[in-house]
């Protein structure tokens, strides 16, 4: 997927939700994934990280995100 992030405002919650939807997450899983993305983006910016990868990010049968 491709979803540009505004360099001035950074990743906003609505962006994280849109990205999660594009990845196929729904309902509670979507909220959890968006929250995870927001935390990862915050870490990315605070630590001036060049690359941050989570592999895999998946939804289990019970709806939990791992």
C-alpha atoms as a PDB file:
ATOM      1  CA  UNK A   1       0.000   0.000   0.000  1.00  0.00           C
ATOM      2  CA  UNK A   2       1.018   3.625  -0.376  1.00  0.00           C
ATOM      3  CA  UNK A   3      -0.184   6.304   2.014  1.00  0.00           C
ATOM      4  CA  UNK A   4       1.749   9.589   2.184  1.00  0.00           C
ATOM      5  CA  UNK A   5       2.341  11.093   5.633  1.00  0.00           C
ATOM      6  CA  UNK A   6       2.407  14.889   5.957  1.00  0.00           C
ATOM      7  CA  UNK A   7       5.877  15.904   7.183  1.00  0.00           C
ATOM      8  CA  UNK A   8       4.412  18.829   9.120  1.00  0.00           C
ATOM      9  CA  UNK A   9       1.602  17.070  11.001  1.00  0.00           C
ATOM     10  CA  UNK A  10       3.132  13.588  11.031  1.00  0.00           C
ATOM     11  CA  UNK A  11       1.076  10.430  11.301  1.00  0.00           C
ATOM     12  CA  UNK A  12      -2.386  11.323  12.517  1.00  0.00           C
ATOM     13  CA  UNK A  13      -4.844   8.836  13.997  1.00  0.00           C
ATOM     14  CA  UNK A  14      -7.101   9.108  10.938  1.00  0.00           C
ATOM     15  CA  UNK A  15      -4.105   8.171   8.747  1.00  0.00           C
ATOM     16  CA  UNK A  16      -3.346   5.159  10.938  1.00  0.00           C
ATOM     17  CA  UNK A  17      -6.975   4.024  10.680  1.00  0.00           C
ATOM     18  CA  UNK A  18      -6.929   4.430   6.891  1.00  0.00           C
ATOM     19  CA  UNK A  19      -3.707   2.419   6.605  1.00  0.00           C
ATOM     20  CA  UNK A  20      -5.161  -0.292   8.859  1.00  0.00           C
ATOM     21  CA  UNK A  21      -8.277  -0.470   6.694  1.00  0.00           C
ATOM     22  CA  UNK A  22      -6.131  -0.760   3.550  1.00  0.00           C
ATOM     23  CA  UNK A  23      -4.335  -3.663   5.235  1.00  0.00           C
ATOM     24  CA  UNK A  24      -7.671  -5.398   5.814  1.00  0.00           C
ATOM     25  CA  UNK A  25      -8.128  -4.883   9.557  1.00  0.00           C
ATOM     26  CA  UNK A  26     -11.626  -4.207  10.939  1.00  0.00           C
ATOM     27  CA  UNK A  27     -13.373  -3.384  14.228  1.00  0.00           C
ATOM     28  CA  UNK A  28     -11.291  -3.843  17.406  1.00  0.00           C
ATOM     29  CA  UNK A  29      -8.311  -5.139  15.434  1.00  0.00           C
ATOM     30  CA  UNK A  30      -8.320  -1.943  13.356  1.00  0.00           C
ATOM     31  CA  UNK A  31      -8.230   0.195  16.501  1.00  0.00           C
ATOM     32  CA  UNK A  32      -5.382  -1.870  17.943  1.00  0.00           C
ATOM     33  CA  UNK A  33      -3.359  -1.719  14.716  1.00  0.00           C
ATOM     34  CA  UNK A  34      -3.882   2.050  14.456  1.00  0.00           C
ATOM     35  CA  UNK A  35      -2.706   2.462  18.061  1.00  0.00           C
ATOM     36  CA  UNK A  36       0.363   0.324  17.333  1.00  0.00           C
ATOM     37  CA  UNK A  37       1.158   2.409  14.238  1.00  0.00           C
ATOM     38  CA  UNK A  38       0.893   5.625  16.245  1.00  0.00           C
ATOM     39  CA  UNK A  39       3.316   4.272  18.870  1.00  0.00           C
ATOM     40  CA  UNK A  40       5.740   3.034  16.222  1.00  0.00           C
ATOM     41  CA  UNK A  41       5.652   6.391  14.428  1.00  0.00           C
ATOM     42  CA  UNK A  42       6.324   8.184  17.715  1.00  0.00           C
ATOM     43  CA  UNK A  43       9.317   5.899  18.347  1.00  0.00           C
ATOM     44  CA  UNK A  44      10.498   6.404  14.755  1.00  0.00           C
ATOM     45  CA  UNK A  45      10.498  10.194  15.161  1.00  0.00           C
ATOM     46  CA  UNK A  46      11.833  10.399  18.741  1.00  0.00           C
ATOM     47  CA  UNK A  47      14.806   8.125  18.052  1.00  0.00           C
ATOM     48  CA  UNK A  48      15.432   9.426  14.502  1.00  0.00           C
ATOM     49  CA  UNK A  49      15.196   5.902  13.125  1.00  0.00           C
ATOM     50  CA  UNK A  50      15.938   5.299   9.456  1.00  0.00           C
ATOM     51  CA  UNK A  51      14.051   1.998   9.134  1.00  0.00           C
ATOM     52  CA  UNK A  52      11.492   0.411  11.423  1.00  0.00           C
ATOM     53  CA  UNK A  53      10.038  -2.950  10.423  1.00  0.00           C
ATOM     54  CA  UNK A  54       7.508  -5.233  12.074  1.00  0.00           C
ATOM     55  CA  UNK A  55       7.392  -8.594  10.388  1.00  0.00           C
ATOM     56  CA  UNK A  56       4.861 -10.063  10.633  1.00  0.00           C
ATOM     57  CA  UNK A  57       2.016  -8.003  12.038  1.00  0.00           C
ATOM     58  CA  UNK A  58      -0.935 -10.353  12.032  1.00  0.00           C
ATOM     59  CA  UNK A  59      -4.402 -10.892  13.410  1.00  0.00           C
ATOM     60  CA  UNK A  60      -5.004 -14.196  15.181  1.00  0.00           C
ATOM     61  CA  UNK A  61      -8.267 -16.120  14.916  1.00  0.00           C
ATOM     62  CA  UNK A  62      -9.359 -14.629  18.259  1.00  0.00           C
ATOM     63  CA  UNK A  63      -8.927 -11.091  16.848  1.00  0.00           C
ATOM     64  CA  UNK A  64      -5.770 -10.246  18.792  1.00  0.00           C
ATOM     65  CA  UNK A  65      -2.912  -8.516  17.016  1.00  0.00           C
ATOM     66  CA  UNK A  66       0.584 -10.006  17.196  1.00  0.00           C
END
